[in-house]
N, C-alpha and C. Protein backbone atom coordinates (compact mmCIF):
# COMPACT_ATOMS: atom_id res chain seq x y z
N MET A 1 3.30 9.93 -5.27
CA MET A 1 3.75 9.06 -4.64
C MET A 1 2.20 9.56 -3.30
N THR A 2 1.33 8.71 -3.29
CA THR A 2 -0.32 8.48 -2.95
C THR A 2 -0.46 9.04 -1.75
N PHE A 3 -1.27 9.72 -1.28
CA PHE A 3 -1.08 9.10 0.22
C PHE A 3 -2.46 9.46 0.50
N LEU A 4 -2.66 7.94 1.76
CA LEU A 4 -4.19 7.80 1.99
C LEU A 4 -4.69 8.92 2.72
N ALA A 5 -6.09 9.13 2.21
CA ALA A 5 -6.59 10.38 2.63
C ALA A 5 -7.44 9.63 4.27
N ALA A 6 -7.80 8.53 4.28
CA ALA A 6 -8.74 8.08 5.01
C ALA A 6 -8.23 8.27 6.33
N GLY A 7 -9.30 8.32 7.43
CA GLY A 7 -8.17 8.70 8.97
C GLY A 7 -8.36 7.02 9.28
N CYS A 8 -6.78 7.13 10.63
CA CYS A 8 -7.07 5.00 11.01
C CYS A 8 -8.42 5.31 11.86
N GLY A 9 -9.12 4.89 11.83
CA GLY A 9 -10.32 3.64 11.97
C GLY A 9 -11.47 5.28 12.31
N THR A 10 -11.86 5.54 11.11
CA THR A 10 -12.88 6.97 10.10
C THR A 10 -14.04 5.64 10.10
N GLY A 11 -15.34 6.06 9.85
CA GLY A 11 -16.09 5.37 9.66
C GLY A 11 -16.85 3.51 9.72
N ASN A 12 -15.71 3.16 10.45
CA ASN A 12 -16.07 2.40 11.50
C ASN A 12 -15.60 2.19 12.82
N THR A 13 -16.01 0.97 13.56
CA THR A 13 -16.77 1.47 15.27
C THR A 13 -15.35 -0.12 15.79
N LYS A 14 -15.03 -0.61 14.70
CA LYS A 14 -13.40 -1.85 15.15
C LYS A 14 -12.87 -1.36 16.32
N GLY A 15 -12.39 -0.19 15.96
CA GLY A 15 -11.45 0.73 16.41
C GLY A 15 -10.97 1.91 17.29
N SER A 16 -10.32 2.42 17.97
CA SER A 16 -10.70 3.84 18.51
C SER A 16 -10.70 5.10 17.63
N GLN A 17 -10.45 6.54 17.48
CA GLN A 17 -10.09 7.05 16.57
C GLN A 17 -8.45 7.57 17.23
N THR A 18 -7.31 6.84 18.14
CA THR A 18 -6.51 7.34 18.00
C THR A 18 -5.33 6.67 16.94
N GLY A 19 -5.99 5.54 17.09
CA GLY A 19 -4.51 4.27 15.92
C GLY A 19 -4.46 3.67 16.34
N THR A 20 -5.38 3.23 18.36
CA THR A 20 -5.05 2.30 18.50
C THR A 20 -6.40 2.03 18.79
N ALA A 21 -5.97 -0.29 18.61
CA ALA A 21 -7.00 -0.85 18.93
C ALA A 21 -7.53 -1.56 20.29
N PRO A 22 -9.14 -1.49 20.43
CA PRO A 22 -10.10 -1.23 21.46
C PRO A 22 -9.41 -2.85 21.92
N SER A 23 -8.42 -3.09 23.33
CA SER A 23 -7.98 -4.17 24.18
C SER A 23 -8.63 -5.42 24.01
N SER A 24 -9.91 -5.28 24.19
CA SER A 24 -11.08 -6.52 24.32
C SER A 24 -10.72 -7.44 22.62
N VAL A 25 -10.48 -6.44 21.28
CA VAL A 25 -9.96 -7.18 20.22
C VAL A 25 -9.71 -8.81 20.46
N GLN A 26 -9.88 -9.94 20.05
CA GLN A 26 -9.10 -11.34 20.01
C GLN A 26 -8.21 -11.35 18.55
N PRO A 27 -7.51 -11.70 18.81
CA PRO A 27 -6.27 -11.57 17.93
C PRO A 27 -6.75 -12.06 16.54
N VAL A 28 -6.47 -11.87 15.43
CA VAL A 28 -7.01 -12.55 14.53
C VAL A 28 -6.02 -13.37 13.54
N SER A 29 -6.35 -14.04 12.32
CA SER A 29 -5.10 -14.14 11.87
C SER A 29 -4.76 -13.37 10.49
N LEU A 30 -4.12 -13.26 9.88
CA LEU A 30 -3.55 -12.63 9.09
C LEU A 30 -3.77 -13.92 7.43
N GLN A 31 -4.86 -13.12 7.08
CA GLN A 31 -5.18 -13.96 5.92
C GLN A 31 -4.53 -14.14 5.00
N GLN A 32 -3.64 -14.70 4.04
CA GLN A 32 -2.35 -14.70 3.31
C GLN A 32 -2.88 -12.45 1.70
N ASP A 33 -2.06 -12.01 2.40
CA ASP A 33 -2.10 -11.18 1.16
C ASP A 33 -2.05 -11.38 0.40
N THR A 34 -2.84 -11.05 -0.95
CA THR A 34 -1.58 -10.81 -2.44
C THR A 34 -0.76 -10.18 -2.69
N PHE A 35 -0.63 -9.18 -1.87
CA PHE A 35 -0.36 -7.64 -1.92
C PHE A 35 1.15 -7.99 -0.48
N ARG A 36 1.08 -9.43 -0.68
CA ARG A 36 2.59 -9.04 1.08
C ARG A 36 3.58 -8.57 0.13
N LEU A 37 4.33 -8.62 0.90
CA LEU A 37 6.24 -8.25 -0.12
C LEU A 37 6.70 -8.90 0.21
N GLN A 38 7.60 -10.09 -0.29
CA GLN A 38 8.58 -10.33 0.47
C GLN A 38 10.36 -9.65 0.18
N GLU A 39 10.08 -8.35 -0.58
CA GLU A 39 11.68 -7.49 -0.55
C GLU A 39 11.13 -7.00 -1.39
N PRO A 40 11.29 -5.28 -0.92
CA PRO A 40 11.18 -4.79 -2.60
C PRO A 40 12.00 -4.42 -2.09
N PHE A 41 12.81 -4.30 -1.24
CA PHE A 41 13.95 -3.64 -1.77
C PHE A 41 15.07 -4.02 -2.96
N ASN A 42 15.45 -3.29 -3.49
CA ASN A 42 15.73 -3.80 -4.70
C ASN A 42 17.80 -2.81 -4.24
N GLU A 43 18.49 -3.34 -5.64
CA GLU A 43 20.00 -2.84 -5.11
C GLU A 43 19.44 -1.61 -5.97
N GLU A 44 18.83 -0.60 -6.41
CA GLU A 44 18.88 0.75 -6.60
C GLU A 44 18.79 1.62 -5.70
N ASP A 45 17.96 0.68 -4.43
CA ASP A 45 17.75 1.02 -3.33
C ASP A 45 18.52 1.71 -2.25
N MET A 46 19.38 0.72 -2.65
CA MET A 46 20.85 1.15 -1.27
C MET A 46 22.34 1.89 -1.65
N LEU A 47 21.89 2.48 -2.98
CA LEU A 47 23.02 3.60 -4.58
C LEU A 47 23.43 4.55 -3.55
N THR A 48 22.68 4.94 -2.71
CA THR A 48 22.69 6.47 -2.51
C THR A 48 24.61 6.75 -1.48
N GLY A 49 24.80 5.52 -1.48
CA GLY A 49 26.12 6.08 -0.70
C GLY A 49 26.16 5.03 0.67
N ASP A 50 27.44 5.36 1.73
CA ASP A 50 27.59 5.02 3.04
C ASP A 50 26.86 5.54 4.05
N TYR A 51 26.61 6.80 3.39
CA TYR A 51 26.20 7.63 4.56
C TYR A 51 24.51 7.22 4.59
N LEU A 52 23.31 7.14 3.76
CA LEU A 52 22.32 6.76 4.14
C LEU A 52 22.52 4.75 3.76
N THR A 53 23.14 3.73 3.98
CA THR A 53 22.80 2.97 4.29
C THR A 53 22.44 1.95 6.19
N ASP A 54 23.07 2.80 7.04
CA ASP A 54 22.56 2.27 8.20
C ASP A 54 21.33 3.07 8.44
N ARG A 55 20.60 4.20 7.71
CA ARG A 55 19.11 5.07 7.69
C ARG A 55 18.62 3.94 7.38
N LEU A 56 19.38 3.47 5.81
CA LEU A 56 18.27 2.58 5.15
C LEU A 56 18.04 1.49 5.48
N GLN A 57 18.71 0.53 6.68
CA GLN A 57 18.88 -0.10 7.18
C GLN A 57 17.76 -0.31 8.44
N ALA A 58 17.68 0.16 8.95
CA ALA A 58 16.71 0.60 9.97
C ALA A 58 15.36 0.49 9.61
N VAL A 59 15.69 0.40 8.26
CA VAL A 59 13.84 1.18 7.88
C VAL A 59 13.22 -0.62 7.06
N ARG A 60 14.23 -1.42 6.68
CA ARG A 60 14.67 -2.29 6.15
C ARG A 60 14.42 -4.09 7.45
N ASP A 61 14.70 -3.71 8.66
CA ASP A 61 14.12 -3.92 9.92
C ASP A 61 12.95 -4.29 10.14
N ASN A 62 12.60 -2.82 10.32
CA ASN A 62 10.72 -2.89 10.59
C ASN A 62 10.21 -3.32 9.55
N PHE A 63 10.37 -2.87 7.99
CA PHE A 63 9.69 -4.16 7.25
C PHE A 63 9.32 -5.13 7.11
N LYS A 64 10.48 -6.21 7.63
CA LYS A 64 10.70 -7.17 7.99
C LYS A 64 10.27 -8.16 8.75
N ARG A 65 10.17 -6.83 10.39
CA ARG A 65 9.17 -7.09 11.29
C ARG A 65 7.83 -6.94 11.52
N ILE A 66 7.27 -6.35 10.46
CA ILE A 66 5.64 -6.34 10.47
C ILE A 66 5.50 -7.65 9.25
N ASN A 67 6.50 -7.39 8.14
CA ASN A 67 5.99 -8.20 7.58
C ASN A 67 6.00 -9.99 8.29
N ALA A 68 6.49 -10.08 9.30
CA ALA A 68 6.64 -11.63 9.82
C ALA A 68 5.64 -11.58 11.08
N ILE A 69 4.92 -10.64 11.27
CA ILE A 69 3.43 -11.02 11.94
C ILE A 69 2.27 -11.50 11.18
N ARG A 70 1.70 -12.93 12.25
CA ARG A 70 1.32 -13.61 11.71
C ARG A 70 -0.25 -13.36 12.38
N ASN A 71 -0.45 -13.36 13.02
CA ASN A 71 -1.49 -12.77 13.93
C ASN A 71 -1.51 -11.35 14.05
N TRP A 72 -3.35 -10.61 14.19
CA TRP A 72 -3.08 -9.65 14.42
C TRP A 72 -3.88 -8.81 15.76
N THR A 73 -4.02 -7.69 16.02
CA THR A 73 -4.80 -7.77 17.17
C THR A 73 -6.32 -7.89 17.24
N ALA A 74 -6.15 -6.83 15.95
CA ALA A 74 -7.68 -5.81 15.08
C ALA A 74 -7.07 -5.73 13.23
N ILE A 75 -7.78 -5.86 12.40
CA ILE A 75 -7.99 -5.40 11.47
C ILE A 75 -8.75 -4.58 11.35
N ASP A 76 -8.53 -3.65 10.45
CA ASP A 76 -10.15 -3.01 10.56
C ASP A 76 -9.89 -2.48 8.89
N THR A 77 -11.28 -2.66 7.70
CA THR A 77 -11.42 -2.25 7.02
C THR A 77 -12.00 -1.42 6.64
N VAL A 78 -11.67 -0.57 5.84
CA VAL A 78 -13.24 1.21 5.41
C VAL A 78 -12.53 1.00 4.02
N ALA A 79 -14.33 1.26 3.85
CA ALA A 79 -14.13 1.88 1.94
C ALA A 79 -13.83 2.87 1.97
N LEU A 80 -13.12 2.95 0.56
CA LEU A 80 -12.70 4.47 0.13
C LEU A 80 -13.70 4.38 -0.91
N SER A 81 -13.28 5.96 -1.70
CA SER A 81 -14.41 6.07 -2.99
C SER A 81 -13.26 7.13 -3.53
N GLU A 82 -12.22 7.71 -3.69
CA GLU A 82 -11.50 8.21 -4.41
C GLU A 82 -11.59 8.29 -5.79
N SER A 83 -11.89 7.25 -5.94
CA SER A 83 -11.26 6.48 -6.90
C SER A 83 -13.02 6.09 -8.18
N THR A 84 -13.11 6.42 -9.07
CA THR A 84 -14.44 6.00 -9.67
C THR A 84 -14.61 4.05 -9.25
N GLU A 85 -13.67 3.34 -9.23
CA GLU A 85 -14.50 2.24 -8.98
C GLU A 85 -14.29 1.60 -7.14
N GLY A 86 -13.85 2.71 -6.65
CA GLY A 86 -13.78 1.85 -4.99
C GLY A 86 -12.05 1.95 -5.52
N GLY A 87 -12.25 1.12 -3.67
CA GLY A 87 -11.58 0.85 -3.40
C GLY A 87 -11.57 -0.12 -2.20
N GLU A 88 -10.47 -0.33 -1.44
CA GLU A 88 -10.97 -0.46 0.20
C GLU A 88 -9.35 0.01 1.33
N ALA A 89 -9.00 -0.55 2.62
CA ALA A 89 -8.14 -0.34 3.06
C ALA A 89 -8.21 -0.45 4.70
N ARG A 90 -7.07 -1.20 4.78
CA ARG A 90 -6.93 -2.13 5.74
C ARG A 90 -5.88 -1.51 6.33
N TYR A 91 -6.49 -1.65 8.27
CA TYR A 91 -5.36 -1.33 9.02
C TYR A 91 -4.82 -1.85 10.37
N TYR A 92 -3.82 -2.81 10.32
CA TYR A 92 -3.24 -4.05 10.61
C TYR A 92 -2.87 -3.24 12.56
N TYR A 93 -3.30 -3.96 13.17
CA TYR A 93 -3.09 -3.53 14.15
C TYR A 93 -2.29 -4.51 15.04
N ARG A 94 -1.47 -5.14 16.19
CA ARG A 94 -0.81 -5.52 16.86
C ARG A 94 -1.01 -4.68 18.52
N ASN A 95 -1.70 -5.84 19.29
CA ASN A 95 -1.16 -5.00 20.00
C ASN A 95 -1.40 -3.09 20.57
N GLY A 96 -2.84 -2.88 20.17
CA GLY A 96 -2.94 -2.02 20.26
C GLY A 96 -2.37 -1.01 19.45
N GLN A 97 -1.43 -0.69 19.07
CA GLN A 97 -0.79 -0.39 17.72
C GLN A 97 -1.07 -0.39 16.50
N LEU A 98 -1.22 0.97 15.58
CA LEU A 98 -0.50 0.43 14.41
C LEU A 98 0.27 0.21 13.77
N GLU A 99 0.89 -1.06 13.15
CA GLU A 99 1.58 -1.46 11.70
C GLU A 99 2.01 -1.15 10.82
N LYS A 100 0.37 -0.95 9.90
CA LYS A 100 0.76 -0.87 8.51
C LYS A 100 -0.31 -1.01 8.33
N ILE A 101 -0.85 -0.10 6.61
CA ILE A 101 -2.22 0.48 6.01
C ILE A 101 -1.92 -0.71 4.54
N VAL A 102 -2.62 -1.18 4.43
CA VAL A 102 -2.83 -1.45 3.03
C VAL A 102 -3.96 -1.11 2.32
N ALA A 103 -4.23 0.11 1.19
CA ALA A 103 -4.89 0.66 0.43
C ALA A 103 -4.77 -0.06 -0.84
N ARG A 104 -6.44 0.16 -1.43
CA ARG A 104 -6.13 -0.57 -3.10
C ARG A 104 -7.73 0.44 -2.99
N TYR A 105 -6.96 0.75 -4.56
CA TYR A 105 -7.60 1.57 -4.42
C TYR A 105 -8.04 1.56 -6.40
N TYR A 106 -9.42 1.57 -7.22
CA TYR A 106 -9.15 0.35 -8.18
C TYR A 106 -10.00 1.96 -9.20
N GLY A 107 -9.57 2.07 -10.68
CA GLY A 107 -10.58 3.03 -11.14
C GLY A 107 -10.27 2.27 -12.92
N GLU A 108 -11.43 3.36 -13.88
CA GLU A 108 -11.69 2.57 -15.20
C GLU A 108 -9.63 2.36 -15.74
N THR A 109 -9.14 3.22 -15.22
CA THR A 109 -7.45 3.33 -15.81
C THR A 109 -6.35 2.84 -15.53
N PHE A 110 -6.86 1.87 -14.15
CA PHE A 110 -5.45 2.05 -12.63
C PHE A 110 -5.56 0.63 -11.89
N ARG A 111 -5.00 0.39 -11.67
CA ARG A 111 -5.28 -0.12 -10.13
C ARG A 111 -4.08 -0.02 -9.28
N LEU A 112 -3.32 0.54 -7.86
CA LEU A 112 -3.25 1.26 -6.91
C LEU A 112 -3.29 0.23 -5.91
N ARG A 113 -1.75 -0.09 -5.49
CA ARG A 113 -1.84 -0.69 -4.37
C ARG A 113 -0.51 -0.27 -3.72
N ALA A 114 -1.17 0.25 -2.14
CA ALA A 114 -0.19 0.93 -1.53
C ALA A 114 0.13 0.07 -0.14
N ALA A 115 1.19 -0.43 0.45
CA ALA A 115 1.24 -0.32 2.13
C ALA A 115 2.36 0.19 2.30
N TYR A 116 1.46 1.07 3.26
CA TYR A 116 2.42 2.10 3.69
C TYR A 116 2.44 1.27 5.74
N TYR A 117 3.85 1.25 6.18
CA TYR A 117 4.50 1.19 7.42
C TYR A 117 5.00 1.83 8.53
N LEU A 118 4.86 1.79 9.74
CA LEU A 118 4.69 2.36 10.50
C LEU A 118 6.37 2.50 11.72
N LEU A 119 6.58 2.98 12.35
CA LEU A 119 7.42 2.33 12.97
C LEU A 119 7.38 4.02 14.11
N ASP A 120 6.99 3.28 15.32
CA ASP A 120 6.40 3.59 16.38
C ASP A 120 6.22 4.80 16.27
N GLY A 121 4.91 4.91 15.17
CA GLY A 121 3.69 5.88 14.85
C GLY A 121 3.95 6.74 13.91
N GLN A 122 4.80 6.40 13.27
CA GLN A 122 5.73 7.44 12.40
C GLN A 122 5.74 6.54 10.75
N LEU A 123 5.37 7.58 10.04
CA LEU A 123 5.74 6.41 8.53
C LEU A 123 7.30 6.18 8.27
N SER A 124 7.70 5.10 7.86
CA SER A 124 8.67 4.42 8.38
C SER A 124 8.87 4.05 6.38
N PHE A 125 7.51 3.21 5.83
CA PHE A 125 8.34 3.16 4.61
C PHE A 125 6.60 3.03 3.63
N VAL A 126 6.81 3.24 2.40
CA VAL A 126 5.58 3.45 1.82
C VAL A 126 5.79 2.78 -0.02
N PHE A 127 5.63 1.79 -0.37
CA PHE A 127 5.93 0.72 -1.61
C PHE A 127 4.11 0.82 -2.37
N GLU A 128 4.23 1.40 -3.66
CA GLU A 128 3.31 1.76 -3.68
C GLU A 128 3.56 0.99 -5.27
N LYS A 129 2.51 0.34 -5.87
CA LYS A 129 2.64 -0.56 -6.94
C LYS A 129 1.85 0.27 -7.67
N ARG A 130 0.67 0.63 -9.56
CA ARG A 130 0.11 1.02 -10.35
C ARG A 130 0.53 0.39 -11.44
N HIS A 131 -1.16 -0.67 -11.48
CA HIS A 131 -0.55 -1.01 -12.87
C HIS A 131 -1.71 -0.26 -13.99
N GLN A 132 -1.03 0.40 -14.55
CA GLN A 132 -1.91 1.74 -15.78
C GLN A 132 -1.79 0.71 -17.45
N TYR A 133 -3.39 0.38 -16.74
CA TYR A 133 -4.03 0.07 -17.56
C TYR A 133 -3.83 0.76 -19.45
N ASN A 134 -3.53 -0.33 -20.52
CA ASN A 134 -3.07 0.59 -21.63
C ASN A 134 -4.90 1.32 -22.52
N ARG A 135 -5.82 0.32 -21.45
CA ARG A 135 -7.12 1.18 -22.44
C ARG A 135 -8.07 1.14 -20.96
N PRO A 136 -9.68 1.83 -21.11
CA PRO A 136 -9.80 1.52 -20.05
C PRO A 136 -10.90 0.71 -19.92
N LEU A 137 -11.21 0.05 -18.79
CA LEU A 137 -12.12 -1.42 -18.75
C LEU A 137 -12.96 -1.58 -19.24
N TYR A 138 -13.63 -1.00 -19.23
CA TYR A 138 -14.88 -0.75 -20.29
C TYR A 138 -14.74 -1.29 -22.39
N TYR A 139 -13.67 -0.86 -22.62
CA TYR A 139 -13.26 -0.56 -23.85
C TYR A 139 -13.28 -2.12 -24.32
N ASP A 140 -13.77 -3.10 -24.97
CA ASP A 140 -13.56 -3.92 -25.44
C ASP A 140 -12.94 -3.68 -26.77
N THR A 141 -13.14 -5.44 -28.03
CA THR A 141 -13.62 -5.37 -28.90
C THR A 141 -14.11 -4.68 -29.67
N ILE A 142 -15.07 -5.21 -29.06
CA ILE A 142 -16.38 -3.33 -29.53
C ILE A 142 -16.25 -2.08 -30.12
N ALA A 143 -15.86 -2.09 -28.89
CA ALA A 143 -14.87 0.16 -28.50
C ALA A 143 -13.93 -0.68 -29.77
N MET A 144 -13.65 -1.38 -29.21
CA MET A 144 -11.78 -0.55 -30.55
C MET A 144 -12.05 -0.68 -31.60
N GLN A 145 -13.01 -1.91 -32.72
CA GLN A 145 -13.68 -1.45 -33.76
C GLN A 145 -14.45 -0.24 -34.63
N GLU A 146 -14.97 0.34 -32.81
CA GLU A 146 -15.72 1.50 -33.66
C GLU A 146 -15.02 2.65 -34.28
N ASN A 147 -13.91 2.41 -32.60
CA ASN A 147 -13.11 3.47 -32.48
C ASN A 147 -11.72 3.89 -33.74
N ASN A 148 -11.81 2.52 -34.65
CA ASN A 148 -11.02 2.48 -35.33
C ASN A 148 -9.68 1.97 -34.42
N ASP A 149 -9.38 1.84 -32.91
CA ASP A 149 -8.30 1.24 -32.86
C ASP A 149 -7.56 -0.16 -32.81
N THR A 150 -6.31 -0.18 -32.75
CA THR A 150 -5.61 -1.48 -32.91
C THR A 150 -6.11 -2.24 -31.23
N GLU A 151 -5.92 -1.47 -29.80
CA GLU A 151 -6.05 -2.53 -28.86
C GLU A 151 -7.07 -2.60 -28.39
N ALA A 152 -7.74 -3.55 -27.68
CA ALA A 152 -9.12 -3.63 -26.41
C ALA A 152 -7.77 -3.85 -25.51
N PHE A 153 -9.31 -3.03 -24.01
CA PHE A 153 -8.54 -3.66 -22.63
C PHE A 153 -7.62 -4.64 -22.87
N ASP A 154 -6.21 -5.22 -21.92
CA ASP A 154 -5.77 -6.00 -22.05
C ASP A 154 -5.19 -5.91 -20.67
N PHE A 155 -5.33 -6.86 -19.36
CA PHE A 155 -4.45 -6.26 -18.32
C PHE A 155 -2.78 -6.50 -17.95
N ASN A 156 -2.56 -7.14 -19.26
CA ASN A 156 -1.58 -7.73 -19.19
C ASN A 156 -0.66 -6.78 -20.38
N GLN A 157 -0.87 -5.54 -20.67
CA GLN A 157 -1.07 -4.51 -21.32
C GLN A 157 0.07 -3.37 -20.14
N SER A 158 -0.38 -3.52 -19.17
CA SER A 158 -0.45 -2.63 -18.30
C SER A 158 1.11 -2.52 -18.32
N ALA A 159 1.04 -0.90 -17.98
CA ALA A 159 2.47 -0.86 -17.38
C ALA A 159 2.18 -0.80 -15.83
N ILE A 160 3.64 -1.12 -15.33
CA ILE A 160 4.27 -1.25 -13.77
C ILE A 160 4.63 -0.38 -13.63
N ILE A 161 4.37 0.72 -12.90
CA ILE A 161 5.30 1.51 -11.87
C ILE A 161 4.90 1.10 -10.46
N GLU A 162 6.55 1.21 -9.96
CA GLU A 162 6.57 0.71 -8.50
C GLU A 162 7.31 2.43 -7.63
N ASP A 163 6.81 2.94 -6.77
CA ASP A 163 7.22 3.99 -6.29
C ASP A 163 8.40 3.50 -4.98
N ARG A 164 8.55 3.53 -4.19
CA ARG A 164 9.19 3.78 -2.57
C ARG A 164 10.04 4.02 -2.31
N SER A 165 8.97 4.63 -1.01
CA SER A 165 9.74 6.69 -0.56
C SER A 165 10.02 5.49 1.33
N TYR A 166 11.05 6.01 2.00
CA TYR A 166 11.61 5.52 2.89
C TYR A 166 11.65 7.13 3.72
N PHE A 167 10.61 6.70 5.08
CA PHE A 167 10.92 8.43 6.10
C PHE A 167 11.68 7.94 7.17
N GLU A 168 12.58 8.83 7.66
CA GLU A 168 12.85 8.54 8.87
C GLU A 168 12.49 9.90 10.22
N ASN A 169 11.93 9.70 10.66
CA ASN A 169 11.14 10.39 12.33
C ASN A 169 10.25 11.36 10.97
N GLY A 170 9.52 10.54 10.40
CA GLY A 170 8.32 11.34 9.85
C GLY A 170 9.15 12.18 8.83
N GLN A 171 10.14 11.95 8.33
CA GLN A 171 10.49 13.23 7.52
C GLN A 171 10.84 11.75 6.06
N LEU A 172 10.80 12.04 4.88
CA LEU A 172 11.53 11.91 3.71
C LEU A 172 12.98 11.29 3.93
N LEU A 173 13.29 9.81 3.70
CA LEU A 173 14.29 10.21 3.94
C LEU A 173 14.71 9.47 2.13
N HIS A 174 14.60 9.19 1.53
CA HIS A 174 14.94 8.37 0.44
C HIS A 174 13.64 7.61 -0.45
N GLN A 175 14.06 8.36 -2.69
CA GLN A 175 12.46 7.56 -2.56
C GLN A 175 12.98 7.25 -4.17
N VAL A 176 12.79 6.10 -4.16
CA VAL A 176 13.38 5.35 -5.87
C VAL A 176 11.60 5.08 -6.50
N ASN A 177 12.11 5.41 -7.77
CA ASN A 177 10.91 5.73 -8.66
C ASN A 177 11.12 4.78 -10.03
N ASN A 178 10.77 3.76 -10.66
CA ASN A 178 11.08 3.16 -11.51
C ASN A 178 10.04 4.11 -13.25
């Protein structure tokens, strides 16, 4: 699981350093995010037995509540430099409270998108989707031939790895990996 290294509001002037957005910021209409998760919960997420069902349901309800928000008080964007091809993190605020962070990392051999959902200021759910490329981005047919290889970069040949992590009161409660 990847944790977002950039701090809330770090490197920008739109939000404060405390994780709350300034009250003078006008609501921002959320653009449709290609990474918007409709229902990331699979049946296997719930195969933990009855003892976790209610606790996981609270995480699921919070996820649905946050994804139903269409107008945000503020959306701060921060450039990320942890990977070779860069990336960005977007911090979504509602009424001064940080609700969600969506981070995108790009590398020569991967693309990672992670969504972090918060509940009462604490991490509630993390969904990560990683495309592990079959070859580096720059590995074209010329490089393939020069290296006596049988494949060039092809995004459609990427391995897709998904991780779901559920938290309660800041503690990892359940995790599902493929």
